[in-house]
Amino acid sequence: MRYQKPVTNNLGHGEAIPAKRRYEPIYMHIFHVGQKWVLPDPTFGIFYGEVVEISDKGRSGTVIITDDEGNLLDSFSGSAAVFQASGDWQLAE
C-alpha cells in the first residue's frame, strides 16, 4: 500500500497534526474488469478477488471472492474504496 508524504500544515486551531496521523493510506478508487486482488489471512489462508463487473466509470463494481483452491466464497458489490477498506486487499502482481 502506498502512503502520502507527511502532512506539514496545521489543523484549524494551530495544533500540529499528530505524528500517528501524518501518514494515511491512499486507496485506489477505480476498478477494472479482470483486476485481481489478494487478501492474506493468517487464520484462513489466502483469499482472491477478481473484478467481474464495473459501473459508474469504474468507481463501483462487483468482485468475486475465492479461496486458494478456487472455491467461490463470497462476492462484493460497491465502491473500490470501500472494498479496499474492508480488509488488507492488495492488487495482485
PDB file of N, CA and C in Angstrom:
ATOM      1  N   MET A   1       0.848  -1.174   0.000  1.00  0.00           N
ATOM      2  CA  MET A   1       0.000   0.000   0.000  1.00  0.00           C
ATOM      3  C   MET A   1       0.892   1.234   0.000  1.00  0.00           C
ATOM      4  N   ARG A   2       0.553   2.211  -0.812  1.00  0.00           N
ATOM      5  CA  ARG A   2       1.332   3.439  -0.861  1.00  0.00           C
ATOM      6  C   ARG A   2       0.838   4.403   0.210  1.00  0.00           C
ATOM      7  N   TYR A   3       1.717   5.319   0.613  1.00  0.00           N
ATOM      8  CA  TYR A   3       1.348   6.298   1.626  1.00  0.00           C
ATOM      9  C   TYR A   3       1.679   7.694   1.136  1.00  0.00           C
ATOM     10  N   GLN A   4       0.883   8.646   1.587  1.00  0.00           N
ATOM     11  CA  GLN A   4       1.116  10.042   1.247  1.00  0.00           C
ATOM     12  C   GLN A   4       2.342  10.546   1.985  1.00  0.00           C
ATOM     13  N   LYS A   5       2.918  11.610   1.467  1.00  0.00           N
ATOM     14  CA  LYS A   5       4.024  12.263   2.154  1.00  0.00           C
ATOM     15  C   LYS A   5       3.508  12.879   3.449  1.00  0.00           C
ATOM     16  N   PRO A   6       4.381  13.130   4.413  1.00  0.00           N
ATOM     17  CA  PRO A   6       3.927  13.724   5.666  1.00  0.00           C
ATOM     18  C   PRO A   6       3.205  15.050   5.436  1.00  0.00           C
ATOM     19  N   VAL A   7       2.161  15.244   6.196  1.00  0.00           N
ATOM     20  CA  VAL A   7       1.412  16.495   6.134  1.00  0.00           C
ATOM     21  C   VAL A   7       2.061  17.467   7.103  1.00  0.00           C
ATOM     22  N   THR A   8       2.422  18.641   6.622  1.00  0.00           N
ATOM     23  CA  THR A   8       3.142  19.570   7.492  1.00  0.00           C
ATOM     24  C   THR A   8       2.329  20.799   7.857  1.00  0.00           C
ATOM     25  N   ASN A   9       1.141  20.936   7.285  1.00  0.00           N
ATOM     26  CA  ASN A   9       0.347  22.109   7.641  1.00  0.00           C
ATOM     27  C   ASN A   9      -0.344  21.903   8.986  1.00  0.00           C
ATOM     28  N   ASN A  10      -0.948  22.944   9.508  1.00  0.00           N
ATOM     29  CA  ASN A  10      -1.598  22.880  10.818  1.00  0.00           C
ATOM     30  C   ASN A  10      -3.080  22.597  10.680  1.00  0.00           C
ATOM     31  N   LEU A  11      -3.646  22.020  11.721  1.00  0.00           N
ATOM     32  CA  LEU A  11      -5.093  21.895  11.795  1.00  0.00           C
ATOM     33  C   LEU A  11      -5.670  23.279  12.059  1.00  0.00           C
ATOM     34  N   GLY A  12      -6.960  23.417  11.980  1.00  0.00           N
ATOM     35  CA  GLY A  12      -7.604  24.724  12.088  1.00  0.00           C
ATOM     36  C   GLY A  12      -7.275  25.548  13.316  1.00  0.00           C
ATOM     37  N   HIS A  13      -6.819  24.928  14.393  1.00  0.00           N
ATOM     38  CA  HIS A  13      -6.592  25.656  15.638  1.00  0.00           C
ATOM     39  C   HIS A  13      -5.118  25.875  15.936  1.00  0.00           C
ATOM     40  N   GLY A  14      -4.287  25.720  14.930  1.00  0.00           N
ATOM     41  CA  GLY A  14      -2.871  25.952  15.119  1.00  0.00           C
ATOM     42  C   GLY A  14      -2.133  24.796  15.764  1.00  0.00           C
ATOM     43  N   GLU A  15      -2.810  23.641  15.927  1.00  0.00           N
ATOM     44  CA  GLU A  15      -2.156  22.480  16.516  1.00  0.00           C
ATOM     45  C   GLU A  15      -1.523  21.659  15.393  1.00  0.00           C
ATOM     46  N   ALA A  16      -0.322  21.189  15.617  1.00  0.00           N
ATOM     47  CA  ALA A  16       0.332  20.351  14.612  1.00  0.00           C
ATOM     48  C   ALA A  16      -0.406  19.026  14.497  1.00  0.00           C
ATOM     49  N   ILE A  17      -0.374  18.433  13.340  1.00  0.00           N
ATOM     50  CA  ILE A  17      -1.011  17.133  13.136  1.00  0.00           C
ATOM     51  C   ILE A  17      -0.197  16.088  13.893  1.00  0.00           C
ATOM     52  N   PRO A  18      -0.839  15.277  14.736  1.00  0.00           N
ATOM     53  CA  PRO A  18      -0.109  14.252  15.489  1.00  0.00           C
ATOM     54  C   PRO A  18       0.661  13.333  14.546  1.00  0.00           C
ATOM     55  N   ALA A  19       1.810  12.851  14.995  1.00  0.00           N
ATOM     56  CA  ALA A  19       2.679  12.012  14.167  1.00  0.00           C
ATOM     57  C   ALA A  19       1.949  10.781  13.640  1.00  0.00           C
ATOM     58  N   LYS A  20       1.097  10.158  14.456  1.00  0.00           N
ATOM     59  CA  LYS A  20       0.429   8.940  14.013  1.00  0.00           C
ATOM     60  C   LYS A  20      -0.588   9.211  12.904  1.00  0.00           C
ATOM     61  N   ARG A  21      -0.978  10.471  12.685  1.00  0.00           N
ATOM     62  CA  ARG A  21      -1.928  10.799  11.632  1.00  0.00           C
ATOM     63  C   ARG A  21      -1.248  11.434  10.421  1.00  0.00           C
ATOM     64  N   ARG A  22       0.063  11.496  10.408  1.00  0.00           N
ATOM     65  CA  ARG A  22       0.754  12.138   9.295  1.00  0.00           C
ATOM     66  C   ARG A  22       0.762  11.296   8.038  1.00  0.00           C
ATOM     67  N   TYR A  23       0.685   9.996   8.176  1.00  0.00           N
ATOM     68  CA  TYR A  23       0.669   9.109   7.025  1.00  0.00           C
ATOM     69  C   TYR A  23      -0.691   8.440   6.947  1.00  0.00           C
ATOM     70  N   GLU A  24      -1.346   8.608   5.832  1.00  0.00           N
ATOM     71  CA  GLU A  24      -2.641   7.980   5.642  1.00  0.00           C
ATOM     72  C   GLU A  24      -2.602   7.182   4.348  1.00  0.00           C
ATOM     73  N   PRO A  25      -3.199   5.984   4.317  1.00  0.00           N
ATOM     74  CA  PRO A  25      -3.159   5.173   3.104  1.00  0.00           C
ATOM     75  C   PRO A  25      -3.887   5.847   1.950  1.00  0.00           C
ATOM     76  N   ILE A  26      -3.378   5.629   0.755  1.00  0.00           N
ATOM     77  CA  ILE A  26      -4.035   6.111  -0.458  1.00  0.00           C
ATOM     78  C   ILE A  26      -4.766   4.925  -1.065  1.00  0.00           C
ATOM     79  N   TYR A  27      -6.068   5.038  -1.250  1.00  0.00           N
ATOM     80  CA  TYR A  27      -6.840   3.958  -1.814  1.00  0.00           C
ATOM     81  C   TYR A  27      -7.098   4.203  -3.292  1.00  0.00           C
ATOM     82  N   MET A  28      -7.017   3.121  -4.076  1.00  0.00           N
ATOM     83  CA  MET A  28      -7.355   3.210  -5.491  1.00  0.00           C
ATOM     84  C   MET A  28      -8.869   3.309  -5.574  1.00  0.00           C
ATOM     85  N   HIS A  29      -9.364   4.260  -6.293  1.00  0.00           N
ATOM     86  CA  HIS A  29     -10.808   4.471  -6.344  1.00  0.00           C
ATOM     87  C   HIS A  29     -11.428   3.999  -7.653  1.00  0.00           C
ATOM     88  N   ILE A  30     -10.704   3.222  -8.439  1.00  0.00           N
ATOM     89  CA  ILE A  30     -11.219   2.766  -9.720  1.00  0.00           C
ATOM     90  C   ILE A  30     -11.011   1.255  -9.851  1.00  0.00           C
ATOM     91  N   PHE A  31     -12.069   0.559 -10.284  1.00  0.00           N
ATOM     92  CA  PHE A  31     -11.995  -0.861 -10.609  1.00  0.00           C
ATOM     93  C   PHE A  31     -11.837  -1.011 -12.119  1.00  0.00           C
ATOM     94  N   HIS A  32     -11.249  -2.125 -12.543  1.00  0.00           N
ATOM     95  CA  HIS A  32     -11.163  -2.502 -13.949  1.00  0.00           C
ATOM     96  C   HIS A  32     -11.579  -3.964 -14.046  1.00  0.00           C
ATOM     97  N   VAL A  33     -12.368  -4.317 -15.053  1.00  0.00           N
ATOM     98  CA  VAL A  33     -12.768  -5.710 -15.234  1.00  0.00           C
ATOM     99  C   VAL A  33     -11.516  -6.555 -15.413  1.00  0.00           C
ATOM    100  N   GLY A  34     -11.443  -7.660 -14.691  1.00  0.00           N
ATOM    101  CA  GLY A  34     -10.294  -8.548 -14.743  1.00  0.00           C
ATOM    102  C   GLY A  34      -9.237  -8.238 -13.696  1.00  0.00           C
ATOM    103  N   GLN A  35      -9.382  -7.113 -13.008  1.00  0.00           N
ATOM    104  CA  GLN A  35      -8.427  -6.738 -11.963  1.00  0.00           C
ATOM    105  C   GLN A  35      -8.445  -7.803 -10.870  1.00  0.00           C
ATOM    106  N   LYS A  36      -7.260  -8.191 -10.392  1.00  0.00           N
ATOM    107  CA  LYS A  36      -7.162  -9.250  -9.390  1.00  0.00           C
ATOM    108  C   LYS A  36      -6.602  -8.695  -8.080  1.00  0.00           C
ATOM    109  N   TRP A  37      -7.180  -9.188  -6.984  1.00  0.00           N
ATOM    110  CA  TRP A  37      -6.824  -8.738  -5.642  1.00  0.00           C
ATOM    111  C   TRP A  37      -6.447  -9.939  -4.789  1.00  0.00           C
ATOM    112  N   VAL A  38      -5.644  -9.708  -3.763  1.00  0.00           N
ATOM    113  CA  VAL A  38      -5.220 -10.761  -2.838  1.00  0.00           C
ATOM    114  C   VAL A  38      -5.386 -10.254  -1.410  1.00  0.00           C
ATOM    115  N   LEU A  39      -5.874 -11.155  -0.532  1.00  0.00           N
ATOM    116  CA  LEU A  39      -6.002 -10.832   0.892  1.00  0.00           C
ATOM    117  C   LEU A  39      -5.448 -12.001   1.697  1.00  0.00           C
ATOM    118  N   PRO A  40      -4.199 -11.892   2.169  1.00  0.00           N
ATOM    119  CA  PRO A  40      -3.651 -12.966   3.011  1.00  0.00           C
ATOM    120  C   PRO A  40      -4.244 -12.887   4.420  1.00  0.00           C
ATOM    121  N   ASP A  41      -4.666 -14.018   4.939  1.00  0.00           N
ATOM    122  CA  ASP A  41      -5.229 -14.078   6.285  1.00  0.00           C
ATOM    123  C   ASP A  41      -4.479 -15.158   7.060  1.00  0.00           C
ATOM    124  N   PRO A  42      -3.907 -14.810   8.223  1.00  0.00           N
ATOM    125  CA  PRO A  42      -3.106 -15.790   8.962  1.00  0.00           C
ATOM    126  C   PRO A  42      -3.908 -16.992   9.454  1.00  0.00           C
ATOM    127  N   THR A  43      -5.192 -16.840   9.640  1.00  0.00           N
ATOM    128  CA  THR A  43      -6.015 -17.934  10.149  1.00  0.00           C
ATOM    129  C   THR A  43      -6.632 -18.772   9.033  1.00  0.00           C
ATOM    130  N   PHE A  44      -7.172 -18.107   8.018  1.00  0.00           N
ATOM    131  CA  PHE A  44      -7.953 -18.799   6.994  1.00  0.00           C
ATOM    132  C   PHE A  44      -7.233 -18.986   5.661  1.00  0.00           C
ATOM    133  N   GLY A  45      -6.017 -18.496   5.531  1.00  0.00           N
ATOM    134  CA  GLY A  45      -5.280 -18.653   4.282  1.00  0.00           C
ATOM    135  C   GLY A  45      -5.386 -17.418   3.403  1.00  0.00           C
ATOM    136  N   ILE A  46      -5.277 -17.628   2.107  1.00  0.00           N
ATOM    137  CA  ILE A  46      -5.283 -16.511   1.158  1.00  0.00           C
ATOM    138  C   ILE A  46      -6.623 -16.453   0.441  1.00  0.00           C
ATOM    139  N   PHE A  47      -7.162 -15.246   0.342  1.00  0.00           N
ATOM    140  CA  PHE A  47      -8.386 -15.007  -0.408  1.00  0.00           C
ATOM    141  C   PHE A  47      -8.026 -14.261  -1.682  1.00  0.00           C
ATOM    142  N   TYR A  48      -8.747 -14.565  -2.746  1.00  0.00           N
ATOM    143  CA  TYR A  48      -8.523 -13.913  -4.028  1.00  0.00           C
ATOM    144  C   TYR A  48      -9.804 -13.214  -4.467  1.00  0.00           C
ATOM    145  N   GLY A  49      -9.657 -12.062  -5.042  1.00  0.00           N
ATOM    146  CA  GLY A  49     -10.800 -11.335  -5.576  1.00  0.00           C
ATOM    147  C   GLY A  49     -10.543 -10.983  -7.022  1.00  0.00           C
ATOM    148  N   GLU A  50     -11.587 -11.038  -7.842  1.00  0.00           N
ATOM    149  CA  GLU A  50     -11.483 -10.630  -9.236  1.00  0.00           C
ATOM    150  C   GLU A  50     -12.681  -9.767  -9.591  1.00  0.00           C
ATOM    151  N   VAL A  51     -12.406  -8.610 -10.170  1.00  0.00           N
ATOM    152  CA  VAL A  51     -13.464  -7.698 -10.584  1.00  0.00           C
ATOM    153  C   VAL A  51     -14.111  -8.266 -11.842  1.00  0.00           C
ATOM    154  N   VAL A  52     -15.422  -8.516 -11.768  1.00  0.00           N
ATOM    155  CA  VAL A  52     -16.127  -9.109 -12.904  1.00  0.00           C
ATOM    156  C   VAL A  52     -17.088  -8.131 -13.575  1.00  0.00           C
ATOM    157  N   GLU A  53     -17.357  -7.025 -12.912  1.00  0.00           N
ATOM    158  CA  GLU A  53     -18.304  -6.051 -13.468  1.00  0.00           C
ATOM    159  C   GLU A  53     -18.000  -4.694 -12.857  1.00  0.00           C
ATOM    160  N   ILE A  54     -18.113  -3.634 -13.667  1.00  0.00           N
ATOM    161  CA  ILE A  54     -17.920  -2.290 -13.137  1.00  0.00           C
ATOM    162  C   ILE A  54     -19.123  -1.421 -13.488  1.00  0.00           C
ATOM    163  N   SER A  55     -19.271  -0.349 -12.750  1.00  0.00           N
ATOM    164  CA  SER A  55     -20.289   0.655 -13.033  1.00  0.00           C
ATOM    165  C   SER A  55     -19.741   2.003 -12.575  1.00  0.00           C
ATOM    166  N   ASP A  56     -20.448   3.053 -12.920  1.00  0.00           N
ATOM    167  CA  ASP A  56     -20.048   4.403 -12.521  1.00  0.00           C
ATOM    168  C   ASP A  56     -18.592   4.693 -12.921  1.00  0.00           C
ATOM    169  N   LYS A  57     -18.272   4.332 -14.177  1.00  0.00           N
ATOM    170  CA  LYS A  57     -16.930   4.559 -14.737  1.00  0.00           C
ATOM    171  C   LYS A  57     -15.831   3.913 -13.910  1.00  0.00           C
ATOM    172  N   GLY A  58     -16.127   2.766 -13.309  1.00  0.00           N
ATOM    173  CA  GLY A  58     -15.131   2.021 -12.553  1.00  0.00           C
ATOM    174  C   GLY A  58     -15.060   2.357 -11.081  1.00  0.00           C
ATOM    175  N   ARG A  59     -15.809   3.337 -10.640  1.00  0.00           N
ATOM    176  CA  ARG A  59     -15.757   3.685  -9.217  1.00  0.00           C
ATOM    177  C   ARG A  59     -16.454   2.644  -8.354  1.00  0.00           C
ATOM    178  N   SER A  60     -17.340   1.866  -8.957  1.00  0.00           N
ATOM    179  CA  SER A  60     -18.030   0.775  -8.262  1.00  0.00           C
ATOM    180  C   SER A  60     -17.926  -0.482  -9.105  1.00  0.00           C
ATOM    181  N   GLY A  61     -18.170  -1.605  -8.463  1.00  0.00           N
ATOM    182  CA  GLY A  61     -18.112  -2.845  -9.221  1.00  0.00           C
ATOM    183  C   GLY A  61     -18.466  -4.044  -8.379  1.00  0.00           C
ATOM    184  N   THR A  62     -18.369  -5.207  -9.009  1.00  0.00           N
ATOM    185  CA  THR A  62     -18.621  -6.473  -8.345  1.00  0.00           C
ATOM    186  C   THR A  62     -17.337  -7.285  -8.367  1.00  0.00           C
ATOM    187  N   VAL A  63     -16.969  -7.802  -7.198  1.00  0.00           N
ATOM    188  CA  VAL A  63     -15.763  -8.607  -7.043  1.00  0.00           C
ATOM    189  C   VAL A  63     -16.178  -9.992  -6.555  1.00  0.00           C
ATOM    190  N   ILE A  64     -15.721 -11.028  -7.263  1.00  0.00           N
ATOM    191  CA  ILE A  64     -15.957 -12.406  -6.849  1.00  0.00           C
ATOM    192  C   ILE A  64     -14.779 -12.822  -5.972  1.00  0.00           C
ATOM    193  N   ILE A  65     -15.065 -13.374  -4.791  1.00  0.00           N
ATOM    194  CA  ILE A  65     -14.023 -13.746  -3.829  1.00  0.00           C
ATOM    195  C   ILE A  65     -13.950 -15.272  -3.733  1.00  0.00           C
ATOM    196  N   THR A  66     -12.723 -15.790  -3.929  1.00  0.00           N
ATOM    197  CA  THR A  66     -12.492 -17.234  -3.880  1.00  0.00           C
ATOM    198  C   THR A  66     -11.367 -17.552  -2.897  1.00  0.00           C
ATOM    199  N   ASP A  67     -11.234 -18.846  -2.581  1.00  0.00           N
ATOM    200  CA  ASP A  67     -10.111 -19.277  -1.744  1.00  0.00           C
ATOM    201  C   ASP A  67      -8.970 -19.741  -2.633  1.00  0.00           C
ATOM    202  N   ASP A  68      -7.919 -20.290  -2.019  1.00  0.00           N
ATOM    203  CA  ASP A  68      -6.745 -20.688  -2.791  1.00  0.00           C
ATOM    204  C   ASP A  68      -6.983 -21.934  -3.648  1.00  0.00           C
ATOM    205  N   GLU A  69      -8.140 -22.580  -3.484  1.00  0.00           N
ATOM    206  CA  GLU A  69      -8.492 -23.726  -4.325  1.00  0.00           C
ATOM    207  C   GLU A  69      -9.498 -23.353  -5.397  1.00  0.00           C
ATOM    208  N   GLY A  70      -9.853 -22.067  -5.457  1.00  0.00           N
ATOM    209  CA  GLY A  70     -10.792 -21.606  -6.478  1.00  0.00           C
ATOM    210  C   GLY A  70     -12.252 -21.738  -6.104  1.00  0.00           C
ATOM    211  N   ASN A  71     -12.535 -22.108  -4.859  1.00  0.00           N
ATOM    212  CA  ASN A  71     -13.922 -22.237  -4.410  1.00  0.00           C
ATOM    213  C   ASN A  71     -14.538 -20.862  -4.215  1.00  0.00           C
ATOM    214  N   LEU A  72     -15.727 -20.668  -4.747  1.00  0.00           N
ATOM    215  CA  LEU A  72     -16.444 -19.402  -4.589  1.00  0.00           C
ATOM    216  C   LEU A  72     -16.865 -19.243  -3.133  1.00  0.00           C
ATOM    217  N   LEU A  73     -16.442 -18.155  -2.495  1.00  0.00           N
ATOM    218  CA  LEU A  73     -16.761 -17.913  -1.093  1.00  0.00           C
ATOM    219  C   LEU A  73     -17.777 -16.808  -0.899  1.00  0.00           C
ATOM    220  N   ASP A  74     -17.645 -15.745  -1.692  1.00  0.00           N
ATOM    221  CA  ASP A  74     -18.472 -14.560  -1.470  1.00  0.00           C
ATOM    222  C   ASP A  74     -18.348 -13.649  -2.675  1.00  0.00           C
ATOM    223  N   SER A  75     -19.115 -12.579  -2.652  1.00  0.00           N
ATOM    224  CA  SER A  75     -18.966 -11.530  -3.654  1.00  0.00           C
ATOM    225  C   SER A  75     -19.125 -10.191  -2.950  1.00  0.00           C
ATOM    226  N   PHE A  76     -18.575  -9.173  -3.560  1.00  0.00           N
ATOM    227  CA  PHE A  76     -18.671  -7.812  -3.033  1.00  0.00           C
ATOM    228  C   PHE A  76     -19.214  -6.945  -4.143  1.00  0.00           C
ATOM    229  N   SER A  77     -20.185  -6.101  -3.819  1.00  0.00           N
ATOM    230  CA  SER A  77     -20.683  -5.096  -4.758  1.00  0.00           C
ATOM    231  C   SER A  77     -20.659  -3.762  -4.047  1.00  0.00           C
ATOM    232  N   GLY A  78     -19.926  -2.816  -4.613  1.00  0.00           N
ATOM    233  CA  GLY A  78     -19.821  -1.498  -4.009  1.00  0.00           C
ATOM    234  C   GLY A  78     -18.645  -0.740  -4.589  1.00  0.00           C
ATOM    235  N   SER A  79     -18.228   0.291  -3.869  1.00  0.00           N
ATOM    236  CA  SER A  79     -17.155   1.152  -4.373  1.00  0.00           C
ATOM    237  C   SER A  79     -15.782   0.514  -4.147  1.00  0.00           C
ATOM    238  N   ALA A  80     -14.832   0.901  -4.983  1.00  0.00           N
ATOM    239  CA  ALA A  80     -13.465   0.396  -4.877  1.00  0.00           C
ATOM    240  C   ALA A  80     -12.849   0.794  -3.536  1.00  0.00           C
ATOM    241  N   ALA A  81     -13.111   2.004  -3.101  1.00  0.00           N
ATOM    242  CA  ALA A  81     -12.546   2.480  -1.831  1.00  0.00           C
ATOM    243  C   ALA A  81     -13.076   1.663  -0.652  1.00  0.00           C
ATOM    244  N   VAL A  82     -14.356   1.363  -0.641  1.00  0.00           N
ATOM    245  CA  VAL A  82     -14.942   0.573   0.444  1.00  0.00           C
ATOM    246  C   VAL A  82     -14.388  -0.851   0.400  1.00  0.00           C
ATOM    247  N   PHE A  83     -14.214  -1.405  -0.810  1.00  0.00           N
ATOM    248  CA  PHE A  83     -13.641  -2.750  -0.936  1.00  0.00           C
ATOM    249  C   PHE A  83     -12.254  -2.793  -0.315  1.00  0.00           C
ATOM    250  N   GLN A  84     -11.402  -1.853  -0.660  1.00  0.00           N
ATOM    251  CA  GLN A  84     -10.051  -1.839  -0.109  1.00  0.00           C
ATOM    252  C   GLN A  84     -10.066  -1.639   1.396  1.00  0.00           C
ATOM    253  N   ALA A  85     -10.953  -0.808   1.892  1.00  0.00           N
ATOM    254  CA  ALA A  85     -11.023  -0.531   3.321  1.00  0.00           C
ATOM    255  C   ALA A  85     -11.604  -1.707   4.102  1.00  0.00           C
ATOM    256  N   SER A  86     -12.256  -2.661   3.404  1.00  0.00           N
ATOM    257  CA  SER A  86     -12.890  -3.783   4.095  1.00  0.00           C
ATOM    258  C   SER A  86     -11.880  -4.822   4.576  1.00  0.00           C
ATOM    259  N   GLY A  87     -10.646  -4.683   4.226  1.00  0.00           N
ATOM    260  CA  GLY A  87      -9.591  -5.609   4.632  1.00  0.00           C
ATOM    261  C   GLY A  87      -8.277  -5.108   4.091  1.00  0.00           C
ATOM    262  N   ASP A  88      -7.268  -5.938   4.178  1.00  0.00           N
ATOM    263  CA  ASP A  88      -5.953  -5.556   3.653  1.00  0.00           C
ATOM    264  C   ASP A  88      -5.790  -6.041   2.222  1.00  0.00           C
ATOM    265  N   TRP A  89      -6.789  -5.785   1.381  1.00  0.00           N
ATOM    266  CA  TRP A  89      -6.741  -6.206  -0.016  1.00  0.00           C
ATOM    267  C   TRP A  89      -5.618  -5.478  -0.731  1.00  0.00           C
ATOM    268  N   GLN A  90      -4.870  -6.231  -1.513  1.00  0.00           N
ATOM    269  CA  GLN A  90      -3.770  -5.675  -2.299  1.00  0.00           C
ATOM    270  C   GLN A  90      -3.916  -6.136  -3.740  1.00  0.00           C
ATOM    271  N   LEU A  91      -3.524  -5.282  -4.666  1.00  0.00           N
ATOM    272  CA  LEU A  91      -3.554  -5.688  -6.073  1.00  0.00           C
ATOM    273  C   LEU A  91      -2.575  -6.842  -6.276  1.00  0.00           C
ATOM    274  N   ALA A  92      -3.022  -7.866  -6.982  1.00  0.00           N
ATOM    275  CA  ALA A  92      -2.149  -8.998  -7.281  1.00  0.00           C
ATOM    276  C   ALA A  92      -1.191  -8.589  -8.395  1.00  0.00           C
ATOM    277  N   GLU A  93       0.016  -9.082  -8.319  1.00  0.00           N
ATOM    278  CA  GLU A  93       1.003  -8.745  -9.353  1.00  0.00           C
ATOM    279  C   GLU A  93       1.141  -9.841 -10.361  1.00  0.00           C
TER     280      GLU A  93
END
